[in-house]
N, C-alpha and C. Protein backbone atom coordinates (compact mmCIF):
# COMPACT_ATOMS: atom_id res chain seq x y z
N MET A 1 -4.51 -67.33 83.01
CA MET A 1 -4.16 -67.24 81.62
C MET A 1 -2.67 -66.89 81.52
N ARG A 2 -2.00 -67.45 80.51
CA ARG A 2 -0.58 -67.19 80.30
C ARG A 2 -0.38 -66.70 78.86
N ILE A 3 0.50 -65.73 78.71
CA ILE A 3 0.78 -65.13 77.40
C ILE A 3 2.23 -65.41 77.05
N ALA A 4 2.46 -65.89 75.84
CA ALA A 4 3.83 -66.19 75.37
C ALA A 4 4.44 -64.93 74.76
N CYS A 5 5.15 -64.17 75.55
CA CYS A 5 5.82 -62.96 75.08
C CYS A 5 6.94 -63.36 74.11
N PRO A 6 7.05 -62.69 72.96
CA PRO A 6 8.11 -63.02 72.01
C PRO A 6 9.53 -62.83 72.58
N HIS A 7 9.67 -61.93 73.57
CA HIS A 7 10.99 -61.67 74.17
C HIS A 7 11.25 -62.51 75.42
N CYS A 8 10.22 -62.67 76.26
CA CYS A 8 10.41 -63.24 77.60
C CYS A 8 9.90 -64.67 77.76
N GLY A 9 9.16 -65.17 76.78
CA GLY A 9 8.60 -66.51 76.90
C GLY A 9 7.24 -66.50 77.58
N LEU A 10 6.80 -67.65 78.02
CA LEU A 10 5.48 -67.82 78.62
C LEU A 10 5.43 -67.13 79.99
N ARG A 11 4.49 -66.20 80.15
CA ARG A 11 4.38 -65.42 81.39
C ARG A 11 2.93 -65.37 81.86
N ASP A 12 2.74 -65.16 83.15
CA ASP A 12 1.41 -65.04 83.73
C ASP A 12 0.77 -63.72 83.30
N VAL A 13 -0.52 -63.72 83.13
CA VAL A 13 -1.25 -62.54 82.66
C VAL A 13 -1.08 -61.35 83.61
N GLN A 14 -0.76 -61.58 84.86
CA GLN A 14 -0.59 -60.49 85.83
C GLN A 14 0.59 -59.59 85.49
N GLU A 15 1.49 -60.03 84.63
CA GLU A 15 2.61 -59.20 84.21
C GLU A 15 2.22 -58.20 83.12
N PHE A 16 1.01 -58.33 82.59
CA PHE A 16 0.58 -57.54 81.43
C PHE A 16 -0.54 -56.57 81.80
N VAL A 17 -0.66 -55.53 80.99
CA VAL A 17 -1.75 -54.57 81.11
C VAL A 17 -2.55 -54.64 79.82
N TYR A 18 -3.86 -54.78 79.94
CA TYR A 18 -4.75 -54.91 78.79
C TYR A 18 -5.19 -53.53 78.32
N LEU A 19 -5.05 -53.25 77.03
CA LEU A 19 -5.53 -51.97 76.50
C LEU A 19 -6.87 -52.12 75.82
N GLY A 20 -7.06 -53.17 75.03
CA GLY A 20 -8.34 -53.37 74.35
C GLY A 20 -8.15 -53.81 72.92
N ASP A 21 -9.21 -53.67 72.14
CA ASP A 21 -9.25 -54.07 70.74
C ASP A 21 -8.13 -53.38 69.96
N ALA A 22 -7.40 -54.16 69.18
CA ALA A 22 -6.28 -53.61 68.41
C ALA A 22 -6.72 -53.00 67.08
N ALA A 23 -7.98 -53.15 66.70
CA ALA A 23 -8.43 -52.70 65.39
C ALA A 23 -8.64 -51.19 65.24
N PRO A 24 -9.22 -50.50 66.23
CA PRO A 24 -9.48 -49.07 66.02
C PRO A 24 -8.20 -48.27 65.75
N GLN A 25 -8.28 -47.42 64.76
CA GLN A 25 -7.16 -46.54 64.43
C GLN A 25 -7.49 -45.12 64.89
N ARG A 26 -6.59 -44.52 65.65
CA ARG A 26 -6.82 -43.17 66.18
C ARG A 26 -6.91 -42.17 65.04
N PRO A 27 -7.95 -41.34 65.04
CA PRO A 27 -8.06 -40.30 64.02
C PRO A 27 -6.97 -39.24 64.21
N ASP A 28 -6.62 -38.55 63.14
CA ASP A 28 -5.67 -37.45 63.23
C ASP A 28 -6.27 -36.38 64.13
N GLY A 29 -5.64 -36.13 65.26
CA GLY A 29 -6.18 -35.23 66.27
C GLY A 29 -6.47 -33.83 65.79
N LEU A 30 -5.68 -33.31 64.87
CA LEU A 30 -5.89 -31.94 64.40
C LEU A 30 -6.99 -31.85 63.35
N ALA A 31 -7.15 -32.91 62.57
CA ALA A 31 -8.12 -32.88 61.48
C ALA A 31 -9.43 -33.61 61.82
N ALA A 32 -9.46 -34.35 62.92
CA ALA A 32 -10.62 -35.17 63.26
C ALA A 32 -11.78 -34.33 63.77
N THR A 33 -12.97 -34.77 63.43
CA THR A 33 -14.16 -34.10 63.95
C THR A 33 -14.39 -34.55 65.39
N GLU A 34 -15.21 -33.82 66.09
CA GLU A 34 -15.55 -34.19 67.47
C GLU A 34 -16.26 -35.54 67.49
N ALA A 35 -17.11 -35.78 66.51
CA ALA A 35 -17.84 -37.06 66.43
C ALA A 35 -16.88 -38.23 66.21
N ALA A 36 -15.87 -38.03 65.37
CA ALA A 36 -14.89 -39.10 65.10
C ALA A 36 -14.09 -39.42 66.35
N MET A 37 -13.69 -38.41 67.10
CA MET A 37 -12.94 -38.64 68.34
C MET A 37 -13.81 -39.31 69.40
N PHE A 38 -15.08 -38.88 69.49
CA PHE A 38 -16.01 -39.50 70.43
C PHE A 38 -16.16 -40.99 70.13
N GLU A 39 -16.34 -41.31 68.84
CA GLU A 39 -16.50 -42.70 68.43
C GLU A 39 -15.26 -43.52 68.77
N TYR A 40 -14.07 -42.97 68.50
CA TYR A 40 -12.81 -43.67 68.77
C TYR A 40 -12.64 -43.94 70.27
N VAL A 41 -12.95 -42.96 71.11
CA VAL A 41 -12.70 -43.08 72.54
C VAL A 41 -13.76 -43.91 73.26
N TYR A 42 -15.03 -43.71 72.92
CA TYR A 42 -16.10 -44.28 73.73
C TYR A 42 -16.87 -45.45 73.12
N LEU A 43 -16.95 -45.55 71.82
CA LEU A 43 -17.79 -46.58 71.21
C LEU A 43 -16.97 -47.78 70.79
N ARG A 44 -17.04 -48.83 71.59
CA ARG A 44 -16.29 -50.05 71.32
C ARG A 44 -17.23 -51.25 71.31
N ASP A 45 -16.96 -52.20 70.43
CA ASP A 45 -17.71 -53.44 70.41
C ASP A 45 -17.16 -54.37 71.48
N ASN A 46 -17.96 -55.31 71.89
CA ASN A 46 -17.54 -56.34 72.83
C ASN A 46 -17.86 -57.69 72.20
N PRO A 47 -17.11 -58.07 71.15
CA PRO A 47 -17.47 -59.27 70.39
C PRO A 47 -17.17 -60.57 71.13
N ARG A 48 -17.91 -61.58 70.72
CA ARG A 48 -17.69 -62.94 71.19
C ARG A 48 -16.80 -63.64 70.19
N GLY A 49 -15.81 -64.39 70.66
CA GLY A 49 -14.96 -65.14 69.76
C GLY A 49 -13.59 -64.53 69.61
N LEU A 50 -12.96 -64.75 68.45
CA LEU A 50 -11.59 -64.27 68.22
C LEU A 50 -11.54 -62.75 68.13
N LEU A 51 -10.56 -62.19 68.81
CA LEU A 51 -10.38 -60.74 68.82
C LEU A 51 -8.88 -60.46 68.94
N GLU A 52 -8.39 -59.52 68.16
CA GLU A 52 -7.00 -59.06 68.32
C GLU A 52 -6.99 -57.92 69.31
N GLU A 53 -6.15 -58.07 70.34
CA GLU A 53 -6.10 -57.11 71.43
C GLU A 53 -4.68 -56.59 71.62
N LEU A 54 -4.58 -55.42 72.22
CA LEU A 54 -3.27 -54.85 72.57
C LEU A 54 -3.01 -55.12 74.06
N TRP A 55 -1.83 -55.64 74.34
CA TRP A 55 -1.39 -55.91 75.70
C TRP A 55 0.01 -55.29 75.88
N TYR A 56 0.27 -54.76 77.06
CA TYR A 56 1.57 -54.16 77.38
C TYR A 56 2.25 -55.03 78.44
N HIS A 57 3.49 -55.45 78.16
CA HIS A 57 4.23 -56.28 79.11
C HIS A 57 4.97 -55.38 80.09
N GLY A 58 4.24 -54.83 81.04
CA GLY A 58 4.77 -53.84 81.98
C GLY A 58 5.77 -54.38 82.97
N VAL A 59 5.64 -55.63 83.40
CA VAL A 59 6.55 -56.19 84.40
C VAL A 59 7.74 -56.87 83.73
N GLY A 60 7.67 -57.05 82.43
CA GLY A 60 8.75 -57.74 81.71
C GLY A 60 9.52 -56.79 80.80
N CYS A 61 9.46 -57.05 79.52
CA CYS A 61 10.27 -56.33 78.53
C CYS A 61 9.69 -54.99 78.12
N ARG A 62 8.50 -54.65 78.60
CA ARG A 62 7.83 -53.38 78.30
C ARG A 62 7.45 -53.23 76.83
N ALA A 63 7.22 -54.34 76.17
CA ALA A 63 6.82 -54.31 74.76
C ALA A 63 5.30 -54.31 74.64
N TRP A 64 4.81 -53.66 73.58
CA TRP A 64 3.39 -53.74 73.23
C TRP A 64 3.20 -54.96 72.35
N LEU A 65 2.19 -55.77 72.67
CA LEU A 65 1.93 -57.00 71.95
C LEU A 65 0.53 -56.99 71.34
N VAL A 66 0.40 -57.66 70.21
CA VAL A 66 -0.91 -57.94 69.63
C VAL A 66 -1.19 -59.40 69.95
N VAL A 67 -2.30 -59.63 70.65
CA VAL A 67 -2.68 -60.99 71.07
C VAL A 67 -4.02 -61.31 70.42
N ARG A 68 -4.06 -62.40 69.64
CA ARG A 68 -5.33 -62.87 69.08
C ARG A 68 -5.87 -63.92 70.04
N ARG A 69 -7.01 -63.59 70.69
CA ARG A 69 -7.53 -64.41 71.78
C ARG A 69 -9.02 -64.64 71.59
N ASP A 70 -9.47 -65.83 71.94
CA ASP A 70 -10.89 -66.15 71.94
C ASP A 70 -11.47 -65.59 73.24
N THR A 71 -12.40 -64.65 73.14
CA THR A 71 -12.94 -64.01 74.34
C THR A 71 -13.86 -64.92 75.14
N LEU A 72 -14.28 -66.04 74.56
CA LEU A 72 -15.12 -66.99 75.28
C LEU A 72 -14.28 -67.98 76.09
N THR A 73 -13.24 -68.52 75.47
CA THR A 73 -12.44 -69.56 76.13
C THR A 73 -11.11 -69.04 76.66
N HIS A 74 -10.71 -67.84 76.27
CA HIS A 74 -9.41 -67.23 76.61
C HIS A 74 -8.24 -67.96 75.96
N ALA A 75 -8.51 -68.83 75.01
CA ALA A 75 -7.44 -69.52 74.28
C ALA A 75 -6.73 -68.52 73.38
N ILE A 76 -5.41 -68.51 73.46
CA ILE A 76 -4.61 -67.57 72.67
C ILE A 76 -4.12 -68.27 71.42
N GLU A 77 -4.40 -67.65 70.27
CA GLU A 77 -4.05 -68.22 68.97
C GLU A 77 -2.76 -67.63 68.40
N TYR A 78 -2.45 -66.38 68.76
CA TYR A 78 -1.30 -65.69 68.18
C TYR A 78 -0.83 -64.60 69.14
N VAL A 79 0.50 -64.41 69.23
CA VAL A 79 1.09 -63.29 69.96
C VAL A 79 2.22 -62.74 69.12
N GLY A 80 2.23 -61.44 68.87
CA GLY A 80 3.29 -60.81 68.10
C GLY A 80 3.55 -59.41 68.60
N LEU A 81 4.66 -58.84 68.19
CA LEU A 81 5.00 -57.47 68.58
C LEU A 81 4.15 -56.48 67.79
N ALA A 82 3.59 -55.51 68.50
CA ALA A 82 2.74 -54.51 67.85
C ALA A 82 3.57 -53.62 66.92
N LYS A 83 4.82 -53.37 67.26
CA LYS A 83 5.64 -52.46 66.45
C LYS A 83 6.00 -53.06 65.09
N SER A 84 5.93 -54.38 64.96
CA SER A 84 6.27 -55.02 63.69
C SER A 84 5.10 -55.06 62.72
N ARG A 85 3.98 -54.54 63.15
CA ARG A 85 2.76 -54.56 62.36
C ARG A 85 2.49 -53.21 61.75
N LYS A 86 2.14 -53.16 60.48
CA LYS A 86 1.80 -51.89 59.85
C LYS A 86 0.46 -51.42 60.36
N ALA A 87 0.29 -50.11 60.47
CA ALA A 87 -0.98 -49.55 60.94
C ALA A 87 -2.12 -50.01 60.06
N GLY A 88 -3.15 -50.57 60.70
CA GLY A 88 -4.33 -51.01 59.97
C GLY A 88 -4.22 -52.37 59.34
N ALA A 89 -3.07 -53.01 59.41
CA ALA A 89 -2.89 -54.33 58.76
C ALA A 89 -3.21 -55.43 59.76
N ALA A 90 -3.70 -56.52 59.26
CA ALA A 90 -3.97 -57.68 60.12
C ALA A 90 -2.67 -58.37 60.47
N ALA A 91 -2.64 -58.97 61.66
CA ALA A 91 -1.43 -59.66 62.10
C ALA A 91 -1.23 -60.97 61.39
């Protein structure tokens, strides 16, 4: 699989580190309940089809990316910088 980094161009997936689903928003650590933190850390869906994911370009520009990818075919539909996205907003 190859990912088109906005800074570096088309690169092999081995240059990236996968974090997971880009949708979950971290609860406020000081105000969050134990149940809310447990849910954020441990309870994740594993959907089939299109999913927005967070990837880190560790071997390249070191940017965090939002990648919209089909989890069945690995076809990538969108790649953008995570920092340019508002918290909780769709890419």
